[in-house]
Amino acid sequence: MKRYRHLFFDLDHTLWDFRSNSREALRELVADHDLIARGIPSAEAFIEAYEEINHALWAEHGAGRMPKEVLRVLRFRTGLQRFGITDGRLPGRLSEEYLERCPRKTSLMPGTLEMLRAAASNHRMHIITNGFEEVQHVKLRNSGINDLFELVLTSERAGAAKPHAAIFQEALRRTGASASESVMIGDNSDTDMLGARNAGWDHIHYAAETEPDTLATHRVAHHDELRRLLA
C-alpha cells in the first residue's frame, strides 16, 4: 500500500461510537423525564423515532437549509409529537440535556485506541468532521484521544462541510500537507469518501456499519484491519 504521511479521520461512527453513546444518553433522558408515563411506549421506540428524524434533519443542515440551533430542538419536538406529547418547554430541555450528556460518553468503535496508538508512531494525525465545534472537542477529550491529533477541523470552523472539496483544501492549508501524502478515513460514503474524491485524495472506507464503498481506495471492516493496512 502507498505510504501516507498525514491521516485525516472522521470522528462520529469512525472513531467515536456515536450510536452507542447517543442511545445511552437518550435512554437516560427517557427515564429522567418519565416519558413512558407521558405516552411513549418504550425508550427504544423513542430512540427509533429520534434517529429517523435526526437523520433527515442533518441532511437539511448539511445542505445549508437548517441552522444547528433549529435542528437541535426540532429533532426532539418532532420526536415527542409522534407520541402525542406537545409540551412546549420539554423539547428545549431535552435538547440541552442531550448536548450536555452525549458528548461526555466515552465509547469508541472496536479497536480504535489500539489502531490510533500504532498509527501515531509514524503518521501525523488529524480530524475532519461535520459535527459541531463545541461538541466534537468534548467527545475527543472525554474519550481520551484528543492529544493524538494535531488538527481538529470542524465544518463550522472551516466554513464548509464534507463532501465539499473546500473543507479538504482548508485541512491541507492548516496542516501544510499535500493531497498526495494524505488519506481520508471515514465511514460515510456520501461525505467522507465522496468528499475525498472531490478533493483528489486517497480514501479508506471504514465499513463497520455500512456496505463497502466500491470506489474507495481501500476498504476495511474493523480497526484491526486498518492498523495492519497503515503499518
Protein backbone atom coordinates (compact mmCIF):
# COMPACT_ATOMS: atom_id res chain seq x y z
CA MET A 1 0.00 0.00 0.00
CA LYS A 2 1.09 3.58 -0.64
CA ARG A 3 2.65 5.14 2.45
CA TYR A 4 0.85 8.23 3.72
CA ARG A 5 2.31 10.90 5.95
CA HIS A 6 -0.98 12.52 7.03
CA LEU A 7 -4.03 10.60 8.23
CA PHE A 8 -7.31 12.52 8.32
CA PHE A 9 -10.04 10.75 10.30
CA ASP A 10 -13.75 11.32 10.51
CA LEU A 11 -14.91 11.25 14.16
CA ASP A 12 -18.51 10.05 14.60
CA HIS A 13 -19.12 6.38 13.69
CA THR A 14 -15.44 6.08 12.69
CA LEU A 15 -13.58 6.60 15.97
CA TRP A 16 -16.23 7.72 18.49
CA ASP A 17 -19.12 5.26 18.78
CA PHE A 18 -21.89 7.76 18.13
CA ARG A 19 -24.70 5.23 18.03
CA SER A 20 -23.93 3.61 21.38
CA ASN A 21 -23.19 6.90 23.11
CA SER A 22 -26.26 8.65 21.74
CA ARG A 23 -28.59 5.81 22.63
CA GLU A 24 -27.23 5.68 26.17
CA ALA A 25 -27.91 9.41 26.59
CA LEU A 26 -31.42 9.10 25.11
CA ARG A 27 -32.30 6.22 27.43
CA GLU A 28 -31.26 8.36 30.38
CA LEU A 29 -33.46 11.23 29.18
CA VAL A 30 -36.50 8.96 28.77
CA ALA A 31 -36.02 7.68 32.32
CA ASP A 32 -35.18 11.01 33.98
CA HIS A 33 -38.17 12.80 32.41
CA ASP A 34 -40.52 9.84 32.94
CA LEU A 35 -41.51 9.88 29.28
CA ILE A 36 -43.02 6.40 29.49
CA ALA A 37 -45.70 7.77 31.81
CA ARG A 38 -46.38 10.55 29.27
CA GLY A 39 -47.24 8.18 26.44
CA ILE A 40 -44.00 6.89 24.92
CA PRO A 41 -44.23 3.08 24.83
CA SER A 42 -40.53 2.45 25.47
CA ALA A 43 -37.12 4.05 25.34
CA GLU A 44 -36.35 2.00 22.23
CA ALA A 45 -39.45 3.36 20.47
CA PHE A 46 -38.37 6.92 21.21
CA ILE A 47 -34.80 6.22 20.05
CA GLU A 48 -36.07 4.78 16.77
CA ALA A 49 -38.21 7.85 16.09
CA TYR A 50 -35.48 10.27 17.16
CA GLU A 51 -32.83 8.65 14.95
CA GLU A 52 -35.08 8.68 11.89
CA ILE A 53 -35.94 12.36 12.40
CA ASN A 54 -32.37 13.35 13.27
CA HIS A 55 -31.03 11.73 10.10
CA ALA A 56 -33.45 13.71 7.92
CA LEU A 57 -32.75 17.00 9.71
CA TRP A 58 -28.99 16.53 9.42
CA ALA A 59 -29.43 16.20 5.66
CA GLU A 60 -31.20 19.57 5.71
CA HIS A 61 -28.43 21.09 7.82
CA GLY A 62 -25.75 19.67 5.53
CA ALA A 63 -27.48 21.23 2.54
CA GLY A 64 -27.45 24.60 4.27
CA ARG A 65 -31.21 24.75 4.76
CA MET A 66 -31.38 24.43 8.56
CA PRO A 67 -29.35 26.19 11.29
CA LYS A 68 -27.92 23.98 14.02
CA GLU A 69 -29.97 25.74 16.71
CA VAL A 70 -33.20 24.78 14.93
CA LEU A 71 -32.04 21.21 14.31
CA ARG A 72 -31.15 20.63 17.94
CA VAL A 73 -34.63 21.46 19.22
CA LEU A 74 -36.74 20.31 16.27
CA ARG A 75 -35.47 16.72 16.43
CA PHE A 76 -36.86 16.41 19.96
CA ARG A 77 -40.05 18.39 19.31
CA THR A 78 -40.90 16.26 16.27
CA GLY A 79 -39.98 13.06 18.09
CA LEU A 80 -42.24 13.88 21.03
CA GLN A 81 -45.10 14.89 18.74
CA ARG A 82 -45.07 11.42 17.19
CA PHE A 83 -46.24 10.13 20.56
CA GLY A 84 -48.75 12.92 21.17
CA ILE A 85 -46.56 14.96 23.54
CA THR A 86 -46.84 18.68 22.86
CA ASP A 87 -45.24 20.20 25.97
CA GLY A 88 -43.78 23.45 24.66
CA ARG A 89 -40.79 23.60 27.01
CA LEU A 90 -39.83 19.94 27.06
CA PRO A 91 -38.04 19.77 23.66
CA GLY A 92 -35.71 22.59 24.66
CA ARG A 93 -34.89 20.94 27.98
CA LEU A 94 -34.24 17.58 26.33
CA SER A 95 -32.02 19.24 23.72
CA GLU A 96 -29.92 21.00 26.36
CA GLU A 97 -29.52 17.87 28.47
CA TYR A 98 -28.72 15.68 25.47
CA LEU A 99 -25.99 18.08 24.32
CA GLU A 100 -24.57 18.05 27.83
CA ARG A 101 -24.67 14.27 28.30
CA CYS A 102 -24.00 12.68 24.94
CA PRO A 103 -20.55 14.17 24.17
CA ARG A 104 -19.32 13.07 27.60
CA LYS A 105 -19.93 9.41 26.80
CA THR A 106 -16.72 7.52 26.16
CA SER A 107 -17.43 4.50 23.96
CA LEU A 108 -15.13 4.17 20.94
CA MET A 109 -15.53 1.91 17.93
CA PRO A 110 -13.88 -1.51 18.49
CA GLY A 111 -10.10 -1.41 18.17
CA THR A 112 -9.92 2.38 17.88
CA LEU A 113 -7.43 3.10 20.64
CA GLU A 114 -5.00 0.35 19.61
CA MET A 115 -5.13 1.45 15.98
CA LEU A 116 -4.58 5.13 16.78
CA ARG A 117 -1.66 4.47 19.10
CA ALA A 118 0.02 2.29 16.49
CA ALA A 119 -0.60 4.78 13.68
CA ALA A 120 0.69 7.72 15.74
CA SER A 121 4.19 6.27 15.77
CA ASN A 122 4.81 7.06 12.09
CA HIS A 123 2.00 9.35 10.93
CA ARG A 124 0.72 12.85 11.58
CA MET A 125 -2.94 12.53 12.52
CA HIS A 126 -5.89 14.90 12.18
CA ILE A 127 -9.71 15.04 12.34
CA ILE A 128 -12.12 16.37 9.69
CA THR A 129 -15.69 16.33 10.99
CA ASN A 130 -19.07 17.79 10.09
CA GLY A 131 -20.00 17.84 13.77
CA PHE A 132 -20.49 20.97 15.84
CA GLU A 133 -17.33 22.72 17.09
CA GLU A 134 -18.01 22.78 20.82
CA VAL A 135 -19.43 19.24 20.90
CA GLN A 136 -16.69 17.43 18.98
CA HIS A 137 -13.89 18.67 21.24
CA VAL A 138 -15.76 17.43 24.32
CA LYS A 139 -16.03 13.98 22.73
CA LEU A 140 -12.32 13.85 21.99
CA ARG A 141 -11.29 14.96 25.48
CA ASN A 142 -13.64 12.67 27.37
CA SER A 143 -12.80 9.60 25.30
CA GLY A 144 -9.07 10.14 25.89
CA ILE A 145 -7.91 10.56 22.29
CA ASN A 146 -7.68 14.35 21.97
CA ASP A 147 -3.89 14.51 22.33
CA LEU A 148 -3.32 12.14 19.41
CA PHE A 149 -4.43 14.72 16.82
CA GLU A 150 -2.67 17.85 15.58
CA LEU A 151 -5.66 19.41 13.82
CA VAL A 152 -9.35 19.04 14.61
CA LEU A 153 -11.20 20.74 11.78
CA THR A 154 -14.98 21.00 12.05
CA SER A 155 -17.27 22.15 9.27
CA GLU A 156 -18.20 25.18 11.39
CA ARG A 157 -14.56 26.20 11.71
CA ALA A 158 -13.80 25.55 8.04
CA GLY A 159 -16.89 27.26 6.68
CA ALA A 160 -17.64 24.22 4.53
CA ALA A 161 -18.84 20.67 5.14
CA LYS A 162 -17.92 17.31 3.67
CA PRO A 163 -18.34 16.35 0.82
CA HIS A 164 -17.36 19.84 -0.40
CA ALA A 165 -13.75 19.98 -1.51
CA ALA A 166 -13.26 23.27 0.36
CA ILE A 167 -13.02 21.62 3.78
CA PHE A 168 -10.34 19.24 2.50
CA GLN A 169 -8.42 22.13 0.96
CA GLU A 170 -8.64 24.01 4.25
CA ALA A 171 -7.29 20.94 6.07
CA LEU A 172 -4.26 20.89 3.75
CA ARG A 173 -3.71 24.60 4.24
CA ARG A 174 -3.79 24.34 8.02
CA THR A 175 -1.50 21.30 8.22
CA GLY A 176 0.90 22.11 5.39
CA ALA A 177 0.17 18.72 3.87
CA SER A 178 -0.29 17.85 0.20
CA ALA A 179 -3.10 15.74 -1.23
CA SER A 180 -0.64 13.14 -2.48
CA GLU A 181 0.63 12.37 1.04
CA SER A 182 -2.81 12.44 2.69
CA VAL A 183 -5.63 9.94 3.10
CA MET A 184 -9.19 10.37 4.41
CA ILE A 185 -10.51 7.62 6.69
CA GLY A 186 -14.24 7.56 7.41
CA ASP A 187 -17.46 5.59 7.49
CA ASN A 188 -19.75 7.69 5.29
CA SER A 189 -19.71 7.14 1.53
CA ASP A 190 -21.70 10.32 0.85
CA THR A 191 -19.50 12.67 2.87
CA ASP A 192 -16.09 11.16 3.69
CA MET A 193 -15.50 9.09 0.57
CA LEU A 194 -17.19 11.36 -1.95
CA GLY A 195 -15.56 14.40 -0.37
CA ALA A 196 -12.10 12.87 -0.61
CA ARG A 197 -12.71 12.00 -4.25
CA ASN A 198 -13.89 15.57 -4.91
CA ALA A 199 -10.64 16.83 -3.40
CA GLY A 200 -8.41 14.36 -5.23
CA TRP A 201 -7.38 12.43 -2.10
CA ASP A 202 -7.00 8.72 -1.50
CA HIS A 203 -9.63 7.42 0.91
CA ILE A 204 -10.16 4.41 3.15
CA HIS A 205 -13.75 3.37 3.81
CA TYR A 206 -14.30 2.10 7.34
CA ALA A 207 -17.33 -0.06 6.58
CA ALA A 208 -18.12 -1.49 10.02
CA GLU A 209 -21.78 -0.42 9.88
CA THR A 210 -22.31 0.17 6.16
CA GLU A 211 -21.89 -1.50 2.79
CA PRO A 212 -18.33 -1.10 1.45
CA ASP A 213 -17.81 1.76 -0.99
CA THR A 214 -16.57 0.08 -4.16
CA LEU A 215 -14.94 3.31 -5.34
CA ALA A 216 -12.81 3.77 -2.22
CA THR A 217 -9.04 3.41 -2.50
CA HIS A 218 -9.17 0.83 0.33
CA ARG A 219 -11.93 -0.75 2.43
CA VAL A 220 -11.78 -2.17 5.97
CA ALA A 221 -14.46 -3.55 8.29
CA HIS A 222 -12.58 -3.30 11.61
CA HIS A 223 -9.84 -1.11 13.03
CA ASP A 224 -7.57 -4.15 13.38
CA GLU A 225 -7.60 -4.32 9.56
CA LEU A 226 -6.90 -0.61 9.34
CA ARG A 227 -4.00 -0.89 11.79
CA ARG A 228 -2.40 -3.59 9.65
CA LEU A 229 -3.08 -1.66 6.46
CA LEU A 230 -1.41 1.51 7.77
CA ALA A 231 1.57 -0.46 9.09
